[in-house]
Amino acid sequence: MIRSISFLLGFVLLFGLVACGGTREETDTAGATAVPESANQFGGLALYTLRDTLAKDPRTVLREVADLGYAYIEAAGYSDGKFYGMSPTEFKNYLAEVGLKPVSSHHGDVTRDNADEMIAAAKEAGFQYFVIPVPPEGRFQFDPATRTLGMNGTVAEASDIINEIAAKAAAQGMQTLYHNHDFEFVANDEGIVPIDYFIENSNPDHLNFQMDLYWVTKAGADPVDYFNRYPGRFKAWHVKDIDAQGRFAPVGTGSIDFARILAEKEKSGMEFYLVEQDMTFDETPLEAIEISHAALEEIGFE
């Protein structure tokens, strides 16, 4: 995600280009105004959605996110000790200035060796949750020939690494979440469903999960079934829709029954949710998150 997890950015870009022929550029956000006091701010945004314009002008884009009505954010841009070019404290202060709360931060390049430094930076920036978005230490795979995602090494090895990192975060007073794609919900050659193994072989005081509703749907699994099987373990959701072609889509424009899923939020353990759209096709990213925010309110998200 952005420079700090360029391997994942490369996967997403390649996945979309192969599958769908490219993406649209974001619009210029210059001239955004301050957040009005009467703004109806609720819900969160995964900043990965806006990675391109954030790289150009992070301060203006963050102000625009607040203007669109989002209340909190998830970062995906930590590199060289900074979040989007700002020190952790500077980033925290700027978010407060524009009316956004830091909640979670993705760190796709986290390893057992660099975890302590990354966790400390996330804590300093005001985040509550440290998120591992892919199997760490080079275990995430993308096959451009088949456009499939996967994991190398054993599930047990990946689980052990994730648990070690989560223990490091707990030692610093932070909570850790693991974010899924589709392959974690599909049995591997040994008959192991990775997400089941991760959940069943982890300490909920250290590690819980961020369910990406698109990728679960893409895998053919049912989010509500997982809430019933593992109540309380899915503390956060990534909320994005799936269109008729199986592509990412703004919330409310595709086929996912979000109202049905939202009705089970207490069973899930969901404490916060974030709009995310890895790629856009018929809208710019800013247009997509505006559509999604309006749909959130209609569906009943608060």
Protein backbone atom coordinates (compact mmCIF):
# COMPACT_ATOMS: atom_id res chain seq x y z
CA MET A 1 0.00 0.00 0.00
CA ILE A 2 1.61 3.13 -1.39
CA ARG A 3 5.39 3.03 -1.01
CA SER A 4 5.44 1.07 2.22
CA ILE A 5 3.85 -1.96 0.57
CA SER A 6 4.65 -1.48 -3.06
CA PHE A 7 4.37 -5.18 -3.69
CA LEU A 8 0.67 -5.05 -2.82
CA LEU A 9 0.10 -1.89 -4.84
CA GLY A 10 1.73 -3.63 -7.77
CA PHE A 11 -0.59 -6.58 -7.33
CA VAL A 12 -3.68 -4.42 -7.21
CA LEU A 13 -2.70 -2.39 -10.23
CA LEU A 14 -1.74 -5.45 -12.22
CA PHE A 15 -4.86 -7.33 -11.13
CA GLY A 16 -7.09 -4.48 -12.27
CA LEU A 17 -5.27 -3.83 -15.52
CA VAL A 18 -5.36 -7.46 -16.51
CA ALA A 19 -8.96 -7.96 -15.48
CA CYS A 20 -10.53 -4.68 -16.45
CA GLY A 21 -8.30 -2.68 -18.74
CA GLY A 22 -7.16 0.09 -16.41
CA THR A 23 -8.39 2.69 -13.94
CA ARG A 24 -9.54 6.28 -13.96
CA GLU A 25 -7.47 9.03 -12.46
CA GLU A 26 -8.66 10.99 -9.45
CA THR A 27 -9.81 14.57 -9.79
CA ASP A 28 -7.81 17.50 -8.48
CA THR A 29 -8.76 18.33 -4.90
CA ALA A 30 -7.16 21.76 -4.78
CA GLY A 31 -9.28 24.41 -3.12
CA ALA A 32 -11.02 22.12 -0.61
CA THR A 33 -12.56 24.06 2.24
CA ALA A 34 -12.47 23.41 5.97
CA VAL A 35 -14.91 20.94 7.49
CA PRO A 36 -18.15 22.79 8.32
CA GLU A 37 -19.25 22.44 11.92
CA SER A 38 -22.65 21.17 10.78
CA ALA A 39 -21.20 18.38 8.65
CA ASN A 40 -22.81 15.00 9.25
CA GLN A 41 -19.61 13.08 9.81
CA PHE A 42 -19.79 9.35 10.38
CA GLY A 43 -18.05 6.20 9.24
CA GLY A 44 -14.50 5.59 8.17
CA LEU A 45 -12.43 5.57 5.02
CA ALA A 46 -9.49 3.34 4.16
CA LEU A 47 -7.05 5.82 2.65
CA TYR A 48 -5.68 3.17 0.31
CA THR A 49 -8.62 4.10 -1.92
CA LEU A 50 -7.10 7.55 -2.50
CA ARG A 51 -3.46 6.51 -2.68
CA ASP A 52 -2.67 8.32 -5.94
CA THR A 53 -3.79 11.81 -4.97
CA LEU A 54 -2.60 11.35 -1.41
CA ALA A 55 0.88 10.82 -2.79
CA LYS A 56 0.62 14.20 -4.55
CA ASP A 57 -1.10 16.35 -1.92
CA PRO A 58 -1.97 14.48 1.28
CA ARG A 59 -3.12 17.47 3.31
CA THR A 60 -5.64 18.65 0.74
CA VAL A 61 -6.97 15.14 0.16
CA LEU A 62 -7.42 14.49 3.88
CA ARG A 63 -9.40 17.70 4.19
CA GLU A 64 -11.57 16.58 1.28
CA VAL A 65 -12.26 13.27 3.03
CA ALA A 66 -13.58 15.19 6.03
CA ASP A 67 -15.61 17.46 3.75
CA LEU A 68 -17.31 14.39 2.29
CA GLY A 69 -18.54 13.40 5.74
CA TYR A 70 -16.13 10.75 6.93
CA ALA A 71 -15.28 10.80 10.63
CA TYR A 72 -12.23 8.56 10.87
CA ILE A 73 -9.56 6.98 8.70
CA GLU A 74 -7.33 4.00 8.21
CA ALA A 75 -3.84 4.78 6.98
CA ALA A 76 -1.97 2.79 4.36
CA GLY A 77 0.98 5.06 3.76
CA TYR A 78 3.72 4.60 6.33
CA SER A 79 7.23 4.90 4.93
CA ASP A 80 10.60 6.07 6.22
CA GLY A 81 9.16 6.81 9.65
CA LYS A 82 6.37 9.00 8.31
CA PHE A 83 2.68 8.80 7.44
CA TYR A 84 2.11 10.43 4.05
CA GLY A 85 5.26 12.48 4.46
CA MET A 86 4.38 13.64 8.00
CA SER A 87 5.92 12.55 11.27
CA PRO A 88 3.53 10.50 13.42
CA THR A 89 2.81 13.44 15.71
CA GLU A 90 2.46 15.86 12.79
CA PHE A 91 0.04 13.46 11.09
CA LYS A 92 -2.01 13.05 14.26
CA ASN A 93 -2.21 16.82 14.72
CA TYR A 94 -3.21 17.46 11.13
CA LEU A 95 -5.99 14.88 11.30
CA ALA A 96 -7.32 16.64 14.40
CA GLU A 97 -7.15 19.96 12.56
CA VAL A 98 -9.36 18.75 9.70
CA GLY A 99 -11.70 16.75 11.93
CA LEU A 100 -10.62 13.16 11.29
CA LYS A 101 -9.76 10.48 13.84
CA PRO A 102 -6.95 7.94 13.28
CA VAL A 103 -8.28 4.45 14.02
CA SER A 104 -6.25 1.82 12.18
CA SER A 105 -3.13 1.58 10.07
CA HIS A 106 -2.14 -1.05 7.47
CA HIS A 107 1.47 -2.22 7.39
CA GLY A 108 1.96 -4.71 4.59
CA ASP A 109 5.73 -4.74 4.89
CA VAL A 110 5.80 -5.48 8.60
CA THR A 111 8.19 -8.20 9.75
CA ARG A 112 9.17 -9.52 13.14
CA ASP A 113 12.34 -7.44 12.84
CA ASN A 114 10.72 -4.06 12.07
CA ALA A 115 7.44 -4.54 13.95
CA ASP A 116 8.45 -2.75 17.15
CA GLU A 117 9.36 0.45 15.27
CA MET A 118 6.21 0.41 13.12
CA ILE A 119 3.93 -0.29 16.07
CA ALA A 120 5.52 2.55 18.06
CA ALA A 121 4.98 4.95 15.15
CA ALA A 122 1.35 3.92 14.76
CA LYS A 123 0.77 4.40 18.47
CA GLU A 124 2.42 7.83 18.38
CA ALA A 125 0.13 8.83 15.50
CA GLY A 126 -2.91 7.99 17.64
CA PHE A 127 -3.99 4.73 16.01
CA GLN A 128 -5.67 2.06 18.12
CA TYR A 129 -5.31 -0.84 15.68
CA PHE A 130 -2.25 -2.15 13.89
CA VAL A 131 -3.37 -4.08 10.80
CA ILE A 132 -1.49 -6.83 8.97
CA PRO A 133 -3.08 -6.74 5.48
CA VAL A 134 -1.39 -9.76 3.86
CA PRO A 135 0.60 -12.79 4.98
CA PRO A 136 3.84 -11.16 6.16
CA GLU A 137 7.49 -11.61 5.34
CA GLY A 138 7.04 -12.32 1.63
CA ARG A 139 4.38 -14.99 2.00
CA PHE A 140 1.77 -13.16 -0.09
CA GLN A 141 1.53 -14.24 -3.73
CA PHE A 142 -0.16 -12.92 -6.86
CA ASP A 143 -0.20 -14.94 -10.06
CA PRO A 144 -0.65 -12.56 -13.02
CA ALA A 145 -1.35 -15.44 -15.40
CA THR A 146 -4.40 -16.62 -13.47
CA ARG A 147 -5.12 -13.37 -11.59
CA THR A 148 -5.26 -15.33 -8.36
CA LEU A 149 -4.01 -14.46 -4.91
CA GLY A 150 -2.42 -16.87 -2.51
CA MET A 151 0.18 -17.61 0.08
CA ASN A 152 3.45 -19.50 -0.02
CA GLY A 153 4.79 -21.53 2.87
CA THR A 154 2.51 -23.26 5.34
CA VAL A 155 -0.52 -21.76 7.04
CA ALA A 156 1.03 -22.64 10.40
CA GLU A 157 4.20 -20.68 9.57
CA ALA A 158 2.22 -17.60 8.55
CA SER A 159 0.05 -17.91 11.64
CA ASP A 160 3.07 -18.06 13.93
CA ILE A 161 4.55 -14.91 12.38
CA ILE A 162 1.24 -13.03 12.64
CA ASN A 163 0.88 -14.06 16.28
CA GLU A 164 4.42 -12.93 17.10
CA ILE A 165 3.76 -9.52 15.59
CA ALA A 166 0.43 -9.27 17.42
CA ALA A 167 2.17 -10.06 20.71
CA LYS A 168 4.64 -7.25 20.04
CA ALA A 169 1.73 -4.84 19.48
CA ALA A 170 0.00 -5.99 22.67
CA ALA A 171 3.21 -5.31 24.59
CA GLN A 172 2.96 -1.68 23.41
CA GLY A 173 -0.73 -1.44 24.26
CA MET A 174 -2.05 -1.74 20.70
CA GLN A 175 -4.54 -4.16 19.19
CA THR A 176 -3.75 -6.11 16.03
CA LEU A 177 -6.07 -7.12 13.21
CA TYR A 178 -5.43 -9.39 10.25
CA HIS A 179 -7.12 -8.31 7.00
CA ASN A 180 -8.29 -10.97 4.56
CA HIS A 181 -8.46 -11.34 0.82
CA ASP A 182 -10.26 -14.25 -0.84
CA PHE A 183 -7.71 -17.06 -0.61
CA GLU A 184 -7.86 -17.21 3.20
CA PHE A 185 -11.44 -18.48 2.92
CA VAL A 186 -10.61 -21.32 0.52
CA ALA A 187 -9.22 -24.69 1.60
CA ASN A 188 -5.64 -25.26 0.46
CA ASP A 189 -4.14 -28.50 -0.85
CA GLU A 190 -3.93 -29.83 2.70
CA GLY A 191 -7.61 -29.07 3.31
CA ILE A 192 -6.83 -26.17 5.65
CA VAL A 193 -8.90 -22.99 5.42
CA PRO A 194 -6.33 -20.35 6.39
CA ILE A 195 -8.71 -17.91 8.06
CA ASP A 196 -10.14 -20.70 10.23
CA TYR A 197 -6.63 -21.72 11.27
CA PHE A 198 -5.62 -18.12 12.02
CA ILE A 199 -8.67 -17.58 14.21
CA GLU A 200 -8.51 -20.91 16.01
CA ASN A 201 -4.78 -20.62 16.69
CA SER A 202 -4.58 -17.07 18.00
CA ASN A 203 -5.12 -15.25 21.27
CA PRO A 204 -8.11 -12.88 20.99
CA ASP A 205 -6.43 -10.64 23.55
CA HIS A 206 -3.68 -10.06 20.96
CA LEU A 207 -5.14 -10.74 17.52
CA ASN A 208 -8.52 -10.24 15.91
CA PHE A 209 -9.66 -9.71 12.34
CA GLN A 210 -10.69 -7.09 9.82
CA MET A 211 -13.20 -8.67 7.47
CA ASP A 212 -13.15 -7.39 3.91
CA LEU A 213 -16.72 -7.98 2.82
CA TYR A 214 -15.89 -7.85 -0.89
CA TRP A 215 -13.17 -10.48 -0.69
CA VAL A 216 -15.26 -12.79 1.50
CA THR A 217 -18.05 -12.56 -1.07
CA LYS A 218 -15.56 -13.09 -3.90
CA ALA A 219 -14.43 -16.29 -2.17
CA GLY A 220 -17.99 -17.59 -2.00
CA ALA A 221 -18.13 -17.45 1.80
CA ASP A 222 -20.84 -15.88 3.95
CA PRO A 223 -19.81 -13.16 6.42
CA VAL A 224 -22.75 -13.92 8.71
CA ASP A 225 -21.78 -17.58 8.85
CA TYR A 226 -18.35 -16.52 10.07
CA PHE A 227 -19.83 -14.19 12.68
CA ASN A 228 -21.85 -17.13 14.01
CA ARG A 229 -18.87 -19.46 14.00
CA TYR A 230 -16.41 -17.02 15.53
CA PRO A 231 -18.45 -14.40 17.42
CA GLY A 232 -16.62 -11.29 18.47
CA ARG A 233 -13.50 -11.89 16.39
CA PHE A 234 -14.21 -9.47 13.50
CA LYS A 235 -13.60 -6.06 15.07
CA ALA A 236 -13.54 -4.12 11.80
CA TRP A 237 -15.01 -4.38 8.32
CA HIS A 238 -13.89 -3.13 4.94
CA VAL A 239 -17.09 -2.15 3.17
CA LYS A 240 -17.10 -2.23 -0.61
CA ASP A 241 -19.49 -3.71 -3.13
CA ILE A 242 -19.11 -6.18 -5.99
CA ASP A 243 -20.55 -5.51 -9.44
CA ALA A 244 -21.94 -7.93 -12.02
CA GLN A 245 -18.45 -8.44 -13.45
CA GLY A 246 -17.01 -9.27 -10.06
CA ARG A 247 -15.18 -5.95 -9.81
CA PHE A 248 -14.89 -3.53 -6.90
CA ALA A 249 -17.84 -1.13 -6.78
CA PRO A 250 -19.11 1.72 -4.60
CA VAL A 251 -21.28 0.68 -1.67
CA GLY A 252 -24.91 0.24 -2.67
CA THR A 253 -24.26 -0.17 -6.39
CA GLY A 254 -23.56 -3.90 -6.41
CA SER A 255 -24.99 -7.16 -5.12
CA ILE A 256 -23.79 -7.43 -1.51
CA ASP A 257 -26.66 -7.37 1.02
CA PHE A 258 -25.06 -4.99 3.50
CA ALA A 259 -28.26 -4.58 5.53
CA ARG A 260 -28.28 -8.32 6.27
CA ILE A 261 -24.63 -8.20 7.33
CA LEU A 262 -25.06 -5.02 9.36
CA ALA A 263 -27.89 -6.63 11.34
CA GLU A 264 -25.29 -9.02 12.77
CA LYS A 265 -22.69 -6.43 13.76
CA GLU A 266 -22.96 -7.26 17.46
CA LYS A 267 -22.32 -10.95 16.80
CA SER A 268 -19.37 -9.93 14.63
CA GLY A 269 -17.85 -7.81 17.36
CA MET A 270 -17.56 -4.96 14.86
CA GLU A 271 -16.27 -1.80 16.50
CA PHE A 272 -15.65 0.23 13.35
CA TYR A 273 -15.94 -0.02 9.59
CA LEU A 274 -14.22 1.56 6.62
CA VAL A 275 -15.23 2.20 3.05
CA GLU A 276 -12.54 0.89 0.75
CA GLN A 277 -12.38 0.51 -3.02
CA ASP A 278 -9.13 -0.92 -4.31
CA MET A 279 -9.79 0.29 -7.85
CA THR A 280 -12.46 2.34 -9.60
CA PHE A 281 -13.83 1.92 -13.11
CA ASP A 282 -16.84 4.16 -13.76
CA GLU A 283 -15.99 6.91 -11.25
CA THR A 284 -12.93 8.60 -9.87
CA PRO A 285 -11.93 7.42 -6.39
CA LEU A 286 -13.28 10.63 -4.84
CA GLU A 287 -16.59 10.18 -6.65
CA ALA A 288 -16.73 6.56 -5.52
CA ILE A 289 -16.24 7.35 -1.84
CA GLU A 290 -18.89 10.07 -2.05
CA ILE A 291 -21.38 7.56 -3.52
CA SER A 292 -20.42 5.03 -0.87
CA HIS A 293 -20.87 7.49 2.00
CA ALA A 294 -24.37 8.37 0.88
CA ALA A 295 -25.24 4.67 0.60
CA LEU A 296 -23.92 3.96 4.10
CA GLU A 297 -26.53 6.27 5.57
CA GLU A 298 -29.32 4.74 3.49
CA ILE A 299 -28.34 1.23 4.57
CA GLY A 300 -28.21 2.19 8.23
CA PHE A 301 -24.51 2.44 9.04
CA GLU A 302 -23.77 4.97 11.76
